[in-house]
PDB file of N, CA and C in Angstrom:
ATOM      1  N   UNK A   1     -17.804  28.973  23.540  1.00  0.00           N
ATOM      2  CA  UNK A   1     -17.011  28.329  22.589  1.00  0.00           C
ATOM      3  C   UNK A   1     -18.038  27.883  21.247  1.00  0.00           C
ATOM      4  N   UNK A   2     -17.599  28.055  20.101  1.00  0.00           N
ATOM      5  CA  UNK A   2     -18.243  27.409  18.920  1.00  0.00           C
ATOM      6  C   UNK A   2     -17.701  26.027  18.183  1.00  0.00           C
ATOM      7  N   UNK A   3     -18.508  25.437  17.388  1.00  0.00           N
ATOM      8  CA  UNK A   3     -18.028  24.327  17.082  1.00  0.00           C
ATOM      9  C   UNK A   3     -16.341  24.515  16.340  1.00  0.00           C
ATOM     10  N   UNK A   4     -16.209  25.831  15.676  1.00  0.00           N
ATOM     11  CA  UNK A   4     -15.340  25.816  14.963  1.00  0.00           C
ATOM     12  C   UNK A   4     -13.905  25.971  16.164  1.00  0.00           C
ATOM     13  N   UNK A   5     -14.233  26.282  17.171  1.00  0.00           N
ATOM     14  CA  UNK A   5     -12.984  26.598  18.164  1.00  0.00           C
ATOM     15  C   UNK A   5     -12.489  24.805  18.709  1.00  0.00           C
ATOM     16  N   UNK A   6     -13.051  24.134  18.435  1.00  0.00           N
ATOM     17  CA  UNK A   6     -12.765  22.821  18.824  1.00  0.00           C
ATOM     18  C   UNK A   6     -12.356  22.154  17.606  1.00  0.00           C
ATOM     19  N   UNK A   7     -12.587  22.380  16.336  1.00  0.00           N
ATOM     20  CA  UNK A   7     -11.974  22.107  15.046  1.00  0.00           C
ATOM     21  C   UNK A   7     -10.273  22.402  15.056  1.00  0.00           C
ATOM     22  N   UNK A   8      -9.605  21.342  14.678  1.00  0.00           N
ATOM     23  CA  UNK A   8      -7.833  21.510  14.381  1.00  0.00           C
ATOM     24  C   UNK A   8      -7.754  22.265  13.258  1.00  0.00           C
ATOM     25  N   UNK A   9      -6.878  22.937  12.998  1.00  0.00           N
ATOM     26  CA  UNK A   9      -6.492  23.829  11.775  1.00  0.00           C
ATOM     27  C   UNK A   9      -5.983  22.921  11.129  1.00  0.00           C
ATOM     28  N   UNK A  10      -6.371  23.123   9.665  1.00  0.00           N
ATOM     29  CA  UNK A  10      -5.945  22.679   8.195  1.00  0.00           C
ATOM     30  C   UNK A  10      -4.356  22.455   8.286  1.00  0.00           C
ATOM     31  N   UNK A  11      -3.691  21.446   8.070  1.00  0.00           N
ATOM     32  CA  UNK A  11      -2.480  21.418   7.798  1.00  0.00           C
ATOM     33  C   UNK A  11      -2.323  21.084   6.355  1.00  0.00           C
ATOM     34  N   UNK A  12      -1.248  22.207   5.621  1.00  0.00           N
ATOM     35  CA  UNK A  12      -1.127  21.816   4.394  1.00  0.00           C
ATOM     36  C   UNK A  12      -0.362  20.359   3.898  1.00  0.00           C
ATOM     37  N   UNK A  13       0.221  19.986   4.628  1.00  0.00           N
ATOM     38  CA  UNK A  13       0.767  18.865   4.628  1.00  0.00           C
ATOM     39  C   UNK A  13      -0.026  17.539   4.831  1.00  0.00           C
ATOM     40  N   UNK A  14      -1.007  17.611   5.706  1.00  0.00           N
ATOM     41  CA  UNK A  14      -1.969  16.697   5.727  1.00  0.00           C
ATOM     42  C   UNK A  14      -3.072  16.785   4.494  1.00  0.00           C
ATOM     43  N   UNK A  15      -2.760  17.972   4.073  1.00  0.00           N
ATOM     44  CA  UNK A  15      -4.034  17.956   2.688  1.00  0.00           C
ATOM     45  C   UNK A  15      -3.306  17.245   1.483  1.00  0.00           C
ATOM     46  N   UNK A  16      -2.006  17.675   1.329  1.00  0.00           N
ATOM     47  CA  UNK A  16      -1.075  16.859   0.456  1.00  0.00           C
ATOM     48  C   UNK A  16      -1.114  15.286   0.652  1.00  0.00           C
ATOM     49  N   UNK A  17      -0.811  14.694   1.420  1.00  0.00           N
ATOM     50  CA  UNK A  17      -0.714  13.336   1.948  1.00  0.00           C
ATOM     51  C   UNK A  17      -2.152  12.658   1.462  1.00  0.00           C
ATOM     52  N   UNK A  18      -3.401  13.464   2.205  1.00  0.00           N
ATOM     53  CA  UNK A  18      -4.635  13.016   1.534  1.00  0.00           C
ATOM     54  C   UNK A  18      -4.917  13.080   0.304  1.00  0.00           C
ATOM     55  N   UNK A  19      -4.442  14.092  -0.585  1.00  0.00           N
ATOM     56  CA  UNK A  19      -4.505  13.901  -2.087  1.00  0.00           C
ATOM     57  C   UNK A  19      -3.540  12.774  -2.743  1.00  0.00           C
ATOM     58  N   UNK A  20      -2.399  12.361  -2.095  1.00  0.00           N
ATOM     59  CA  UNK A  20      -1.371  11.496  -2.562  1.00  0.00           C
ATOM     60  C   UNK A  20      -2.085  10.159  -2.370  1.00  0.00           C
ATOM     61  N   UNK A  21      -2.800   9.746  -1.328  1.00  0.00           N
ATOM     62  CA  UNK A  21      -3.667   8.763  -0.914  1.00  0.00           C
ATOM     63  C   UNK A  21      -4.639   8.532  -1.643  1.00  0.00           C
ATOM     64  N   UNK A  22      -5.308   9.588  -2.289  1.00  0.00           N
ATOM     65  CA  UNK A  22      -6.734   9.595  -3.112  1.00  0.00           C
ATOM     66  C   UNK A  22      -6.075   9.106  -4.271  1.00  0.00           C
ATOM     67  N   UNK A  23      -4.878   9.376  -4.782  1.00  0.00           N
ATOM     68  CA  UNK A  23      -4.331   9.154  -6.115  1.00  0.00           C
ATOM     69  C   UNK A  23      -3.970   7.736  -6.144  1.00  0.00           C
ATOM     70  N   UNK A  24      -3.148   7.369  -5.136  1.00  0.00           N
ATOM     71  CA  UNK A  24      -2.625   6.118  -4.707  1.00  0.00           C
ATOM     72  C   UNK A  24      -4.134   5.171  -5.046  1.00  0.00           C
ATOM     73  N   UNK A  25      -4.958   5.379  -4.151  1.00  0.00           N
ATOM     74  CA  UNK A  25      -6.136   4.403  -4.076  1.00  0.00           C
ATOM     75  C   UNK A  25      -6.519   4.044  -5.657  1.00  0.00           C
ATOM     76  N   UNK A  26      -6.838   5.378  -6.400  1.00  0.00           N
ATOM     77  CA  UNK A  26      -7.046   5.274  -7.579  1.00  0.00           C
ATOM     78  C   UNK A  26      -6.183   4.331  -8.651  1.00  0.00           C
ATOM     79  N   UNK A  27      -4.930   4.788  -8.334  1.00  0.00           N
ATOM     80  CA  UNK A  27      -3.980   4.031  -9.515  1.00  0.00           C
ATOM     81  C   UNK A  27      -4.032   2.556  -8.907  1.00  0.00           C
ATOM     82  N   UNK A  28      -4.208   2.285  -7.846  1.00  0.00           N
ATOM     83  CA  UNK A  28      -4.140   1.075  -7.252  1.00  0.00           C
ATOM     84  C   UNK A  28      -5.355   0.417  -8.003  1.00  0.00           C
ATOM     85  N   UNK A  29      -6.827   0.943  -8.009  1.00  0.00           N
ATOM     86  CA  UNK A  29      -8.304   0.359  -8.489  1.00  0.00           C
ATOM     87  C   UNK A  29      -7.753   0.116 -10.145  1.00  0.00           C
ATOM     88  N   UNK A  30      -7.001   1.093 -10.594  1.00  0.00           N
ATOM     89  CA  UNK A  30      -6.741   1.199 -12.156  1.00  0.00           C
ATOM     90  C   UNK A  30      -5.991  -0.080 -12.381  1.00  0.00           C
ATOM     91  N   UNK A  31      -4.800  -0.258 -11.708  1.00  0.00           N
ATOM     92  CA  UNK A  31      -4.068  -1.566 -12.057  1.00  0.00           C
ATOM     93  C   UNK A  31      -4.799  -2.842 -11.849  1.00  0.00           C
ATOM     94  N   UNK A  32      -5.484  -3.174 -10.541  1.00  0.00           N
ATOM     95  CA  UNK A  32      -6.241  -4.251 -10.231  1.00  0.00           C
ATOM     96  C   UNK A  32      -6.923  -4.699 -11.681  1.00  0.00           C
ATOM     97  N   UNK A  33      -7.835  -3.691 -12.049  1.00  0.00           N
ATOM     98  CA  UNK A  33      -8.885  -3.772 -12.951  1.00  0.00           C
ATOM     99  C   UNK A  33      -8.152  -4.331 -14.234  1.00  0.00           C
ATOM    100  N   UNK A  34      -7.007  -3.606 -14.623  1.00  0.00           N
ATOM    101  CA  UNK A  34      -6.600  -4.099 -15.636  1.00  0.00           C
ATOM    102  C   UNK A  34      -5.532  -5.386 -15.554  1.00  0.00           C
ATOM    103  N   UNK A  35      -4.999  -5.611 -14.540  1.00  0.00           N
ATOM    104  CA  UNK A  35      -4.302  -6.673 -14.278  1.00  0.00           C
ATOM    105  C   UNK A  35      -5.385  -7.904 -14.101  1.00  0.00           C
ATOM    106  N   UNK A  36      -6.129  -7.812 -13.402  1.00  0.00           N
ATOM    107  CA  UNK A  36      -7.606  -8.731 -13.637  1.00  0.00           C
ATOM    108  C   UNK A  36      -8.125  -9.175 -15.060  1.00  0.00           C
ATOM    109  N   UNK A  37      -8.166  -8.148 -15.423  1.00  0.00           N
ATOM    110  CA  UNK A  37      -9.022  -8.161 -17.156  1.00  0.00           C
ATOM    111  C   UNK A  37      -7.931  -8.770 -17.959  1.00  0.00           C
ATOM    112  N   UNK A  38      -6.925  -8.682 -17.734  1.00  0.00           N
ATOM    113  CA  UNK A  38      -5.782  -9.476 -18.702  1.00  0.00           C
ATOM    114  C   UNK A  38      -5.510 -11.112 -18.274  1.00  0.00           C
ATOM    115  N   UNK A  39      -6.047 -11.368 -17.074  1.00  0.00           N
ATOM    116  CA  UNK A  39      -5.918 -12.370 -16.440  1.00  0.00           C
ATOM    117  C   UNK A  39      -4.778 -12.719 -15.519  1.00  0.00           C
ATOM    118  N   UNK A  40      -4.324 -11.382 -15.483  1.00  0.00           N
ATOM    119  CA  UNK A  40      -2.879 -11.341 -14.316  1.00  0.00           C
ATOM    120  C   UNK A  40      -3.283 -10.725 -12.848  1.00  0.00           C
ATOM    121  N   UNK A  41      -4.023 -11.518 -12.058  1.00  0.00           N
ATOM    122  CA  UNK A  41      -4.669 -10.980 -10.826  1.00  0.00           C
ATOM    123  C   UNK A  41      -3.257 -10.781  -9.924  1.00  0.00           C
ATOM    124  N   UNK A  42      -3.024  -9.823  -9.152  1.00  0.00           N
ATOM    125  CA  UNK A  42      -2.104  -9.058  -8.241  1.00  0.00           C
ATOM    126  C   UNK A  42      -2.706  -9.079  -6.704  1.00  0.00           C
ATOM    127  N   UNK A  43      -2.520 -10.470  -6.249  1.00  0.00           N
ATOM    128  CA  UNK A  43      -3.427 -10.772  -4.968  1.00  0.00           C
ATOM    129  C   UNK A  43      -2.688  -9.694  -3.955  1.00  0.00           C
ATOM    130  N   UNK A  44      -1.767  -9.148  -3.806  1.00  0.00           N
ATOM    131  CA  UNK A  44      -0.959  -8.434  -2.821  1.00  0.00           C
ATOM    132  C   UNK A  44      -1.077  -6.941  -3.103  1.00  0.00           C
ATOM    133  N   UNK A  45      -1.748  -6.542  -4.076  1.00  0.00           N
ATOM    134  CA  UNK A  45      -1.689  -5.258  -4.284  1.00  0.00           C
ATOM    135  C   UNK A  45      -2.376  -4.420  -3.274  1.00  0.00           C
ATOM    136  N   UNK A  46      -1.548  -3.299  -2.936  1.00  0.00           N
ATOM    137  CA  UNK A  46      -1.842  -2.299  -1.769  1.00  0.00           C
ATOM    138  C   UNK A  46      -1.789  -1.074  -1.940  1.00  0.00           C
ATOM    139  N   UNK A  47      -2.423  -0.039  -1.213  1.00  0.00           N
ATOM    140  CA  UNK A  47      -1.808   1.003  -0.879  1.00  0.00           C
ATOM    141  C   UNK A  47      -0.877   1.113   0.479  1.00  0.00           C
ATOM    142  N   UNK A  48       0.320   1.668   0.282  1.00  0.00           N
ATOM    143  CA  UNK A  48       1.153   1.542   1.398  1.00  0.00           C
ATOM    144  C   UNK A  48       0.918   2.723   2.397  1.00  0.00           C
ATOM    145  N   UNK A  49       1.325   3.110   3.849  1.00  0.00           N
ATOM    146  CA  UNK A  49       1.099   3.833   4.533  1.00  0.00           C
ATOM    147  C   UNK A  49       2.131   5.063   3.889  1.00  0.00           C
ATOM    148  N   UNK A  50       2.004   6.097   4.500  1.00  0.00           N
ATOM    149  CA  UNK A  50       2.953   7.279   4.101  1.00  0.00           C
ATOM    150  C   UNK A  50       4.478   6.659   4.493  1.00  0.00           C
ATOM    151  N   UNK A  51       5.341   7.064   3.610  1.00  0.00           N
ATOM    152  CA  UNK A  51       6.821   6.646   3.788  1.00  0.00           C
ATOM    153  C   UNK A  51       7.371   7.659   4.801  1.00  0.00           C
ATOM    154  N   UNK A  52       7.825   7.199   5.894  1.00  0.00           N
ATOM    155  CA  UNK A  52       8.625   8.273   6.972  1.00  0.00           C
ATOM    156  C   UNK A  52       9.756   8.831   6.384  1.00  0.00           C
ATOM    157  N   UNK A  53      10.350   7.943   5.196  1.00  0.00           N
ATOM    158  CA  UNK A  53      11.622   8.519   4.768  1.00  0.00           C
ATOM    159  C   UNK A  53      11.304   9.457   3.658  1.00  0.00           C
ATOM    160  N   UNK A  54      10.356   9.323   2.876  1.00  0.00           N
ATOM    161  CA  UNK A  54      10.281  10.130   1.534  1.00  0.00           C
ATOM    162  C   UNK A  54       8.950  11.028   1.722  1.00  0.00           C
ATOM    163  N   UNK A  55       7.865  10.569   2.450  1.00  0.00           N
ATOM    164  CA  UNK A  55       6.825  11.369   2.868  1.00  0.00           C
ATOM    165  C   UNK A  55       5.884  11.067   2.027  1.00  0.00           C
ATOM    166  N   UNK A  56       6.019  10.029   0.632  1.00  0.00           N
ATOM    167  CA  UNK A  56       5.456   9.709  -0.442  1.00  0.00           C
ATOM    168  C   UNK A  56       4.237   8.566  -0.048  1.00  0.00           C
ATOM    169  N   UNK A  57       3.393   8.504  -0.511  1.00  0.00           N
ATOM    170  CA  UNK A  57       2.313   7.559  -0.520  1.00  0.00           C
ATOM    171  C   UNK A  57       2.436   6.433  -1.664  1.00  0.00           C
ATOM    172  N   UNK A  58       2.846   5.221  -1.687  1.00  0.00           N
ATOM    173  CA  UNK A  58       3.017   4.519  -2.738  1.00  0.00           C
ATOM    174  C   UNK A  58       2.281   3.327  -2.721  1.00  0.00           C
ATOM    175  N   UNK A  59       1.888   2.739  -4.371  1.00  0.00           N
ATOM    176  CA  UNK A  59       0.991   1.721  -4.105  1.00  0.00           C
ATOM    177  C   UNK A  59       2.191   0.337  -4.339  1.00  0.00           C
ATOM    178  N   UNK A  60       2.146  -0.435  -3.508  1.00  0.00           N
ATOM    179  CA  UNK A  60       2.536  -1.734  -3.361  1.00  0.00           C
ATOM    180  C   UNK A  60       2.137  -2.715  -4.357  1.00  0.00           C
ATOM    181  N   UNK A  61       2.768  -3.236  -5.313  1.00  0.00           N
ATOM    182  CA  UNK A  61       2.360  -4.218  -6.364  1.00  0.00           C
ATOM    183  C   UNK A  61       2.280  -5.734  -5.548  1.00  0.00           C
ATOM    184  N   UNK A  62       3.312  -5.989  -4.758  1.00  0.00           N
ATOM    185  CA  UNK A  62       3.116  -7.060  -4.038  1.00  0.00           C
ATOM    186  C   UNK A  62       3.591  -8.392  -4.851  1.00  0.00           C
ATOM    187  N   UNK A  63       3.599  -9.466  -4.524  1.00  0.00           N
ATOM    188  CA  UNK A  63       3.894 -10.798  -4.896  1.00  0.00           C
ATOM    189  C   UNK A  63       2.827 -11.381  -5.686  1.00  0.00           C
ATOM    190  N   UNK A  64       3.191 -12.154  -6.554  1.00  0.00           N
ATOM    191  CA  UNK A  64       2.303 -12.902  -7.305  1.00  0.00           C
ATOM    192  C   UNK A  64       3.179 -14.078  -7.992  1.00  0.00           C
ATOM    193  N   UNK A  65       2.531 -15.369  -8.372  1.00  0.00           N
ATOM    194  CA  UNK A  65       3.238 -16.452  -8.899  1.00  0.00           C
ATOM    195  C   UNK A  65       3.897 -15.888  -9.946  1.00  0.00           C
ATOM    196  N   UNK A  66       5.091 -16.867 -10.338  1.00  0.00           N
ATOM    197  CA  UNK A  66       5.829 -16.372 -11.636  1.00  0.00           C
ATOM    198  C   UNK A  66       4.933 -16.552 -12.878  1.00  0.00           C
ATOM    199  N   UNK A  67       4.221 -17.523 -12.922  1.00  0.00           N
ATOM    200  CA  UNK A  67       3.241 -17.477 -14.152  1.00  0.00           C
ATOM    201  C   UNK A  67       2.913 -16.210 -14.380  1.00  0.00           C
ATOM    202  N   UNK A  68       2.103 -15.640 -13.421  1.00  0.00           N
ATOM    203  CA  UNK A  68       1.363 -14.564 -13.471  1.00  0.00           C
ATOM    204  C   UNK A  68       2.318 -13.258 -13.808  1.00  0.00           C
ATOM    205  N   UNK A  69       3.289 -13.388 -13.440  1.00  0.00           N
ATOM    206  CA  UNK A  69       4.174 -12.206 -13.609  1.00  0.00           C
ATOM    207  C   UNK A  69       4.961 -12.163 -14.998  1.00  0.00           C
ATOM    208  N   UNK A  70       5.058 -13.073 -15.540  1.00  0.00           N
ATOM    209  CA  UNK A  70       5.603 -13.565 -16.988  1.00  0.00           C
ATOM    210  C   UNK A  70       4.510 -13.058 -17.802  1.00  0.00           C
ATOM    211  N   UNK A  71       2.827 -13.803 -17.431  1.00  0.00           N
ATOM    212  CA  UNK A  71       1.864 -13.159 -18.416  1.00  0.00           C
ATOM    213  C   UNK A  71       1.813 -11.627 -18.210  1.00  0.00           C
ATOM    214  N   UNK A  72       1.996 -11.181 -17.102  1.00  0.00           N
ATOM    215  CA  UNK A  72       1.701  -9.491 -16.968  1.00  0.00           C
ATOM    216  C   UNK A  72       2.708  -8.903 -17.891  1.00  0.00           C
ATOM    217  N   UNK A  73       4.110  -9.189 -17.786  1.00  0.00           N
ATOM    218  CA  UNK A  73       5.318  -8.903 -18.580  1.00  0.00           C
ATOM    219  C   UNK A  73       4.920  -8.784 -20.030  1.00  0.00           C
ATOM    220  N   UNK A  74       4.004  -9.953 -20.357  1.00  0.00           N
ATOM    221  CA  UNK A  74       3.713 -10.158 -22.033  1.00  0.00           C
ATOM    222  C   UNK A  74       2.738  -8.995 -22.259  1.00  0.00           C
ATOM    223  N   UNK A  75       1.583  -8.832 -21.463  1.00  0.00           N
ATOM    224  CA  UNK A  75       1.006  -7.853 -21.781  1.00  0.00           C
ATOM    225  C   UNK A  75       1.104  -6.542 -21.799  1.00  0.00           C
ATOM    226  N   UNK A  76       2.177  -5.973 -20.671  1.00  0.00           N
ATOM    227  CA  UNK A  76       2.604  -4.802 -20.808  1.00  0.00           C
ATOM    228  C   UNK A  76       3.711  -4.395 -22.125  1.00  0.00           C
ATOM    229  N   UNK A  77       4.465  -5.811 -22.565  1.00  0.00           N
ATOM    230  CA  UNK A  77       5.189  -5.500 -23.624  1.00  0.00           C
ATOM    231  C   UNK A  77       4.316  -5.218 -24.844  1.00  0.00           C
ATOM    232  N   UNK A  78       3.206  -5.935 -24.806  1.00  0.00           N
ATOM    233  CA  UNK A  78       2.141  -5.948 -26.041  1.00  0.00           C
ATOM    234  C   UNK A  78       1.744  -4.606 -25.929  1.00  0.00           C
ATOM    235  N   UNK A  79       1.151  -4.267 -24.923  1.00  0.00           N
ATOM    236  CA  UNK A  79       0.605  -2.708 -24.819  1.00  0.00           C
ATOM    237  C   UNK A  79       1.648  -1.423 -25.268  1.00  0.00           C
ATOM    238  N   UNK A  80       2.813  -1.888 -24.942  1.00  0.00           N
ATOM    239  CA  UNK A  80       3.977  -0.720 -25.372  1.00  0.00           C
ATOM    240  C   UNK A  80       4.184  -0.796 -26.464  1.00  0.00           C
ATOM    241  N   UNK A  81       4.161  -1.774 -27.159  1.00  0.00           N
ATOM    242  CA  UNK A  81       4.298  -2.042 -28.514  1.00  0.00           C
ATOM    243  C   UNK A  81       2.989  -1.249 -29.598  1.00  0.00           C
ATOM    244  N   UNK A  82       1.868  -1.531 -29.056  1.00  0.00           N
ATOM    245  CA  UNK A  82       0.650  -1.229 -29.760  1.00  0.00           C
ATOM    246  C   UNK A  82       0.629   0.324 -29.724  1.00  0.00           C
ATOM    247  N   UNK A  83       1.002   1.030 -28.293  1.00  0.00           N
ATOM    248  CA  UNK A  83       0.959   2.307 -28.168  1.00  0.00           C
ATOM    249  C   UNK A  83       2.076   2.835 -29.033  1.00  0.00           C
ATOM    250  N   UNK A  84       3.424   2.358 -29.164  1.00  0.00           N
ATOM    251  CA  UNK A  84       4.283   2.941 -29.964  1.00  0.00           C
ATOM    252  C   UNK A  84       4.198   3.103 -31.511  1.00  0.00           C
ATOM    253  N   UNK A  85       3.047   1.887 -31.893  1.00  0.00           N
ATOM    254  CA  UNK A  85       2.740   1.940 -33.337  1.00  0.00           C
ATOM    255  C   UNK A  85       1.500   2.929 -33.763  1.00  0.00           C
ATOM    256  N   UNK A  86       1.035   3.658 -32.647  1.00  0.00           N
ATOM    257  CA  UNK A  86      -0.248   4.664 -32.635  1.00  0.00           C
ATOM    258  C   UNK A  86       0.829   5.835 -32.841  1.00  0.00           C
ATOM    259  N   UNK A  87       1.882   6.031 -32.689  1.00  0.00           N
ATOM    260  CA  UNK A  87       2.722   7.334 -32.649  1.00  0.00           C
ATOM    261  C   UNK A  87       2.967   7.506 -34.188  1.00  0.00           C
ATOM    262  N   UNK A  88       2.611   8.778 -34.640  1.00  0.00           N
ATOM    263  CA  UNK A  88       2.952   9.392 -36.086  1.00  0.00           C
ATOM    264  C   UNK A  88       4.195  10.294 -36.204  1.00  0.00           C
ATOM    265  N   UNK A  89       5.121   9.990 -37.241  1.00  0.00           N
ATOM    266  CA  UNK A  89       6.352  10.641 -37.353  1.00  0.00           C
ATOM    267  C   UNK A  89       6.249  12.080 -36.612  1.00  0.00           C
ATOM    268  N   UNK A  90       6.928  12.465 -35.916  1.00  0.00           N
ATOM    269  CA  UNK A  90       7.309  13.748 -35.382  1.00  0.00           C
ATOM    270  C   UNK A  90       6.362  14.136 -34.011  1.00  0.00           C
ATOM    271  N   UNK A  91       5.911  12.929 -33.541  1.00  0.00           N
ATOM    272  CA  UNK A  91       5.366  12.762 -32.249  1.00  0.00           C
ATOM    273  C   UNK A  91       6.250  11.828 -31.503  1.00  0.00           C
ATOM    274  N   UNK A  92       6.034  12.091 -30.005  1.00  0.00           N
ATOM    275  CA  UNK A  92       6.558  11.004 -29.033  1.00  0.00           C
ATOM    276  C   UNK A  92       5.449  10.045 -28.261  1.00  0.00           C
ATOM    277  N   UNK A  93       5.615   9.061 -28.091  1.00  0.00           N
ATOM    278  CA  UNK A  93       4.950   8.263 -27.427  1.00  0.00           C
ATOM    279  C   UNK A  93       4.856   8.719 -26.014  1.00  0.00           C
ATOM    280  N   UNK A  94       3.676   8.836 -25.407  1.00  0.00           N
ATOM    281  CA  UNK A  94       3.381   9.224 -24.211  1.00  0.00           C
ATOM    282  C   UNK A  94       2.681   7.816 -23.506  1.00  0.00           C
ATOM    283  N   UNK A  95       3.838   7.183 -22.721  1.00  0.00           N
ATOM    284  CA  UNK A  95       3.434   5.856 -22.480  1.00  0.00           C
ATOM    285  C   UNK A  95       2.452   5.766 -21.084  1.00  0.00           C
ATOM    286  N   UNK A  96       2.372   6.823 -20.200  1.00  0.00           N
ATOM    287  CA  UNK A  96       2.136   6.976 -19.022  1.00  0.00           C
ATOM    288  C   UNK A  96       0.713   7.768 -19.188  1.00  0.00           C
ATOM    289  N   UNK A  97       0.211   8.220 -20.186  1.00  0.00           N
ATOM    290  CA  UNK A  97      -0.583   9.231 -20.351  1.00  0.00           C
ATOM    291  C   UNK A  97      -2.265   8.429 -19.772  1.00  0.00           C
ATOM    292  N   UNK A  98      -3.080   9.297 -19.646  1.00  0.00           N
ATOM    293  CA  UNK A  98      -4.241   8.897 -19.078  1.00  0.00           C
ATOM    294  C   UNK A  98      -5.008   7.591 -20.120  1.00  0.00           C
ATOM    295  N   UNK A  99      -5.592   6.890 -19.453  1.00  0.00           N
ATOM    296  CA  UNK A  99      -6.325   6.013 -20.637  1.00  0.00           C
ATOM    297  C   UNK A  99      -7.074   6.477 -21.499  1.00  0.00           C
ATOM    298  N   UNK A 100      -7.788   6.412 -22.973  1.00  0.00           N
ATOM    299  CA  UNK A 100      -8.523   7.097 -23.414  1.00  0.00           C
ATOM    300  C   UNK A 100      -9.492   6.089 -23.822  1.00  0.00           C
ATOM    301  N   UNK A 101     -10.877   6.362 -24.274  1.00  0.00           N
ATOM    302  CA  UNK A 101     -11.904   5.647 -24.508  1.00  0.00           C
ATOM    303  C   UNK A 101     -11.750   5.436 -26.020  1.00  0.00           C
ATOM    304  N   UNK A 102     -12.178   4.114 -26.176  1.00  0.00           N
ATOM    305  CA  UNK A 102     -12.037   3.182 -27.415  1.00  0.00           C
ATOM    306  C   UNK A 102     -13.593   3.375 -28.159  1.00  0.00           C
ATOM    307  N   UNK A 103     -13.698   3.953 -29.485  1.00  0.00           N
ATOM    308  CA  UNK A 103     -14.805   3.735 -30.278  1.00  0.00           C
ATOM    309  C   UNK A 103     -16.296   4.337 -29.502  1.00  0.00           C
ATOM    310  N   UNK A 104     -15.890   5.402 -28.312  1.00  0.00           N
ATOM    311  CA  UNK A 104     -16.920   6.132 -27.724  1.00  0.00           C
ATOM    312  C   UNK A 104     -17.416   5.207 -26.674  1.00  0.00           C
ATOM    313  N   UNK A 105     -16.804   3.946 -26.669  1.00  0.00           N
ATOM    314  CA  UNK A 105     -17.676   2.919 -25.548  1.00  0.00           C
ATOM    315  C   UNK A 105     -17.213   2.999 -24.055  1.00  0.00           C
ATOM    316  N   UNK A 106     -16.146   3.899 -24.009  1.00  0.00           N
ATOM    317  CA  UNK A 106     -15.798   4.142 -22.541  1.00  0.00           C
ATOM    318  C   UNK A 106     -14.779   3.145 -22.153  1.00  0.00           C
ATOM    319  N   UNK A 107     -14.650   2.142 -22.982  1.00  0.00           N
ATOM    320  CA  UNK A 107     -13.663   0.941 -22.585  1.00  0.00           C
ATOM    321  C   UNK A 107     -12.163   1.636 -22.942  1.00  0.00           C
ATOM    322  N   UNK A 108     -10.997   1.697 -22.460  1.00  0.00           N
ATOM    323  CA  UNK A 108      -9.505   2.072 -22.478  1.00  0.00           C
ATOM    324  C   UNK A 108      -9.308   0.577 -23.328  1.00  0.00           C
TER     325      UNK A 108
END
């Protein structure tokens, strides 16, 4: 028997969950970096286990002190207003699009 005979067959569900976990870890890192740079650290931020009910992988934002959450709300509100101001007539605001580089610096 070769090495291939001992390898488990690939599961489509396992591949889907693996990709969801990869995306969740990337999103978790992005929100951690953004929150930290805004002075709003989220100490309980984590990727959850796959939900037995939905089968989805979720990012748990966790708890933070009220002053941090209030500041984070202000940052989100200001960002939403700034994004809406960038929209020209006839366009719609896609507030969940990927961040883009500013002035070619690679900084969003």
